[in-house]
Amino acid sequence: MPPRGDPLVVGRVIGDVLDPFTRSISLGVIYNNREVNNGCELRPSQIINHPRVNIGGDDLRTFYTLVMVDPDAPSPSDPSLREYLHWLVTDIPATTGAHFGHEMMLYKSPRPSSGIHRFVFVLFKQLGRQTVYAPPCRENFNTRDFAEQYNLGSPVAALYFNCQRETGSGGRRRPPN
């Protein structure tokens, strides 16, 4: 029988992306009316547009930063671009959603080319508004370093899903004229 453990540990999100932390805020991620649960599988065609993200908390004067990364880019066997930053939203008020925040890095739809990729959402509590800024590029982003740079501390929530290239997408192509 497989060990019953924290799905973030089992999925190696703790270790590859994050250090152990205690979740203190609810985080809901929904793609096309499908709620993301740790370790669930989604197809690239289901995640073309950014998800609806709901954030808990109780103090409307508290703001959060959401990052979405792929620690398996470009492939799980050679993650030389680890971590690839797919989305960065800052200044999200508590009890609201990501659409109330400031999108610092526009959502880039995941398109894994080989292997099963993990896509990780991490939520941090900010020290104040407009205190977090976008990195210069998406490749080789480091969630731990980012959190340290902006004094974000440990995450308050995290969630991940798996995704791989869709098979049988499109069939044969028409030859060019």
Protein backbone atom coordinates (compact mmCIF):
# COMPACT_ATOMS: atom_id res chain seq x y z
CA MET A 1 0.00 0.00 0.00
CA PRO A 2 1.45 3.42 -0.94
CA PRO A 3 2.27 5.72 1.97
CA ARG A 4 -0.40 8.20 2.93
CA GLY A 5 1.39 11.50 2.97
CA ASP A 6 1.05 15.10 2.05
CA PRO A 7 0.42 15.21 -1.72
CA LEU A 8 2.93 18.07 -2.06
CA VAL A 9 5.59 15.78 -0.57
CA VAL A 10 4.51 12.74 -2.59
CA GLY A 11 4.55 14.84 -5.79
CA ARG A 12 7.99 16.22 -4.87
CA VAL A 13 6.71 19.82 -4.92
CA ILE A 14 8.13 20.02 -1.39
CA GLY A 15 11.78 19.55 -2.21
CA ASP A 16 11.89 20.57 -5.87
CA VAL A 17 10.05 23.91 -5.52
CA LEU A 18 9.26 24.57 -1.87
CA ASP A 19 10.53 23.86 1.61
CA PRO A 20 8.04 22.34 4.09
CA PHE A 21 5.43 24.86 5.24
CA THR A 22 2.10 24.98 7.04
CA ARG A 23 -0.91 25.93 4.95
CA SER A 24 -2.81 28.79 6.59
CA ILE A 25 -5.03 30.14 3.79
CA SER A 26 -7.44 28.39 1.46
CA LEU A 27 -6.51 28.38 -2.24
CA GLY A 28 -8.94 27.28 -4.92
CA VAL A 29 -7.94 26.93 -8.58
CA ILE A 30 -10.63 26.21 -11.16
CA TYR A 31 -10.16 25.64 -14.91
CA ASN A 32 -13.42 25.61 -16.88
CA ASN A 33 -15.51 24.59 -13.85
CA ARG A 34 -13.05 21.83 -12.90
CA GLU A 35 -11.45 22.31 -9.50
CA VAL A 36 -7.75 21.49 -9.29
CA ASN A 37 -6.81 18.97 -6.61
CA ASN A 38 -3.20 18.11 -5.80
CA GLY A 39 -1.89 15.61 -8.32
CA CYS A 40 -4.89 15.66 -10.64
CA GLU A 41 -4.32 15.44 -14.38
CA LEU A 42 -5.39 18.13 -16.82
CA ARG A 43 -4.89 18.21 -20.59
CA PRO A 44 -3.29 21.19 -22.35
CA SER A 45 -6.61 21.88 -24.10
CA GLN A 46 -8.24 22.35 -20.66
CA ILE A 47 -5.73 24.95 -19.44
CA ILE A 48 -5.42 27.33 -22.40
CA ASN A 49 -6.90 30.25 -20.46
CA HIS A 50 -5.87 31.25 -16.95
CA PRO A 51 -7.91 29.66 -14.18
CA ARG A 52 -10.22 31.29 -11.70
CA VAL A 53 -8.31 31.51 -8.43
CA ASN A 54 -10.07 32.02 -5.11
CA ILE A 55 -8.15 33.07 -2.03
CA GLY A 56 -9.22 32.81 1.58
CA GLY A 57 -8.15 34.95 4.49
CA ASP A 58 -10.14 37.33 6.61
CA ASP A 59 -8.36 40.68 6.61
CA LEU A 60 -9.13 42.74 3.50
CA ARG A 61 -6.00 44.81 4.19
CA THR A 62 -3.83 41.73 3.55
CA PHE A 63 -2.46 41.15 0.05
CA TYR A 64 -1.09 38.03 -1.59
CA THR A 65 1.21 37.03 -4.44
CA LEU A 66 0.44 34.03 -6.63
CA VAL A 67 3.09 32.29 -8.71
CA MET A 68 2.55 29.42 -11.15
CA VAL A 69 5.66 27.47 -12.12
CA ASP A 70 6.69 24.36 -14.05
CA PRO A 71 9.61 22.66 -12.26
CA ASP A 72 9.86 20.12 -15.10
CA ALA A 73 10.67 22.44 -18.02
CA PRO A 74 11.56 21.60 -20.71
CA SER A 75 11.27 17.92 -19.70
CA PRO A 76 11.16 16.01 -16.40
CA SER A 77 14.32 14.09 -17.36
CA ASP A 78 16.22 17.33 -18.11
CA PRO A 79 14.63 20.22 -16.19
CA SER A 80 17.26 22.72 -17.36
CA LEU A 81 14.77 25.62 -17.34
CA ARG A 82 13.49 24.78 -13.84
CA GLU A 83 11.43 26.60 -12.78
CA TYR A 84 9.54 28.08 -15.72
CA LEU A 85 7.27 30.92 -14.57
CA HIS A 86 3.84 30.66 -16.23
CA TRP A 87 2.00 33.32 -14.24
CA LEU A 88 2.63 35.96 -11.58
CA VAL A 89 -0.13 37.96 -9.90
CA THR A 90 0.54 40.35 -7.02
CA ASP A 91 -1.53 42.58 -4.73
CA ILE A 92 -4.44 40.12 -4.50
CA PRO A 93 -6.71 41.20 -1.61
CA ALA A 94 -7.68 38.51 0.91
CA THR A 95 -11.07 36.83 0.40
CA THR A 96 -11.05 37.64 -3.33
CA GLY A 97 -9.49 36.13 -6.43
CA ALA A 98 -6.51 36.59 -8.71
CA HIS A 99 -8.55 38.77 -11.07
CA PHE A 100 -8.52 41.44 -8.33
CA GLY A 101 -4.72 41.46 -8.29
CA HIS A 102 -2.08 42.92 -10.57
CA GLU A 103 -0.93 40.53 -13.30
CA MET A 104 2.85 41.11 -13.37
CA MET A 105 3.56 38.24 -15.80
CA LEU A 106 0.69 37.36 -18.12
CA TYR A 107 -0.59 33.80 -18.03
CA LYS A 108 1.29 31.59 -20.46
CA SER A 109 -0.62 28.43 -21.28
CA PRO A 110 1.32 25.26 -20.42
CA ARG A 111 2.28 23.15 -23.43
CA PRO A 112 4.45 20.28 -22.23
CA SER A 113 6.29 18.60 -25.13
CA SER A 114 7.56 15.49 -23.37
CA GLY A 115 6.88 13.68 -20.12
CA ILE A 116 4.49 14.50 -17.31
CA HIS A 117 4.95 18.04 -15.99
CA ARG A 118 3.87 19.37 -12.61
CA PHE A 119 2.35 22.84 -12.59
CA VAL A 120 2.53 24.42 -9.16
CA PHE A 121 0.53 27.34 -7.76
CA VAL A 122 2.12 28.96 -4.72
CA LEU A 123 0.50 31.68 -2.63
CA PHE A 124 2.51 34.07 -0.45
CA LYS A 125 1.40 36.79 1.95
CA GLN A 126 2.90 40.17 1.03
CA LEU A 127 4.26 42.72 3.50
CA GLY A 128 2.25 45.45 1.78
CA ARG A 129 0.84 46.58 -1.55
CA GLN A 130 3.14 47.16 -4.52
CA THR A 131 6.10 45.48 -2.83
CA VAL A 132 6.60 42.62 -5.34
CA TYR A 133 7.82 42.99 -8.92
CA ALA A 134 8.20 40.81 -11.99
CA PRO A 135 11.49 39.02 -12.68
CA PRO A 136 13.38 39.79 -15.90
CA CYS A 137 12.51 36.45 -17.55
CA ARG A 138 10.39 33.32 -17.12
CA GLU A 139 13.14 30.70 -17.43
CA ASN A 140 15.06 29.48 -14.38
CA PHE A 141 12.76 31.30 -11.98
CA ASN A 142 13.33 30.19 -8.39
CA THR A 143 10.34 30.36 -6.06
CA ARG A 144 12.48 30.18 -2.91
CA ASP A 145 14.82 32.99 -4.08
CA PHE A 146 11.84 35.08 -5.20
CA ALA A 147 10.19 34.72 -1.78
CA GLU A 148 13.43 35.68 -0.06
CA GLN A 149 14.03 38.68 -2.33
CA TYR A 150 10.62 40.16 -1.50
CA ASN A 151 10.46 39.06 2.15
CA LEU A 152 7.43 36.87 1.48
CA GLY A 153 8.35 34.22 4.02
CA SER A 154 6.96 30.70 3.73
CA PRO A 155 4.02 30.02 1.43
CA VAL A 156 0.55 30.21 2.93
CA ALA A 157 -0.88 27.73 0.39
CA ALA A 158 0.18 25.63 -2.60
CA LEU A 159 -1.51 23.37 -5.09
CA TYR A 160 -0.33 21.44 -8.15
CA PHE A 161 -1.61 19.44 -11.10
CA ASN A 162 0.00 17.18 -13.67
CA CYS A 163 -0.15 17.70 -17.42
CA GLN A 164 1.33 16.00 -20.44
CA ARG A 165 1.16 16.43 -24.19
CA GLU A 166 -2.13 15.34 -25.68
CA THR A 167 -1.95 12.33 -27.96
CA GLY A 168 -3.88 12.03 -31.16
CA SER A 169 -4.36 15.76 -31.43
CA GLY A 170 -5.35 16.74 -34.93
CA GLY A 171 -4.75 13.61 -36.97
CA ARG A 172 -3.04 13.89 -40.34
CA ARG A 173 -2.15 17.26 -41.73
CA ARG A 174 -3.12 18.38 -45.16
CA PRO A 175 -0.16 18.69 -47.50
CA PRO A 176 0.70 22.30 -48.47
CA ASN A 177 -0.60 23.58 -51.81
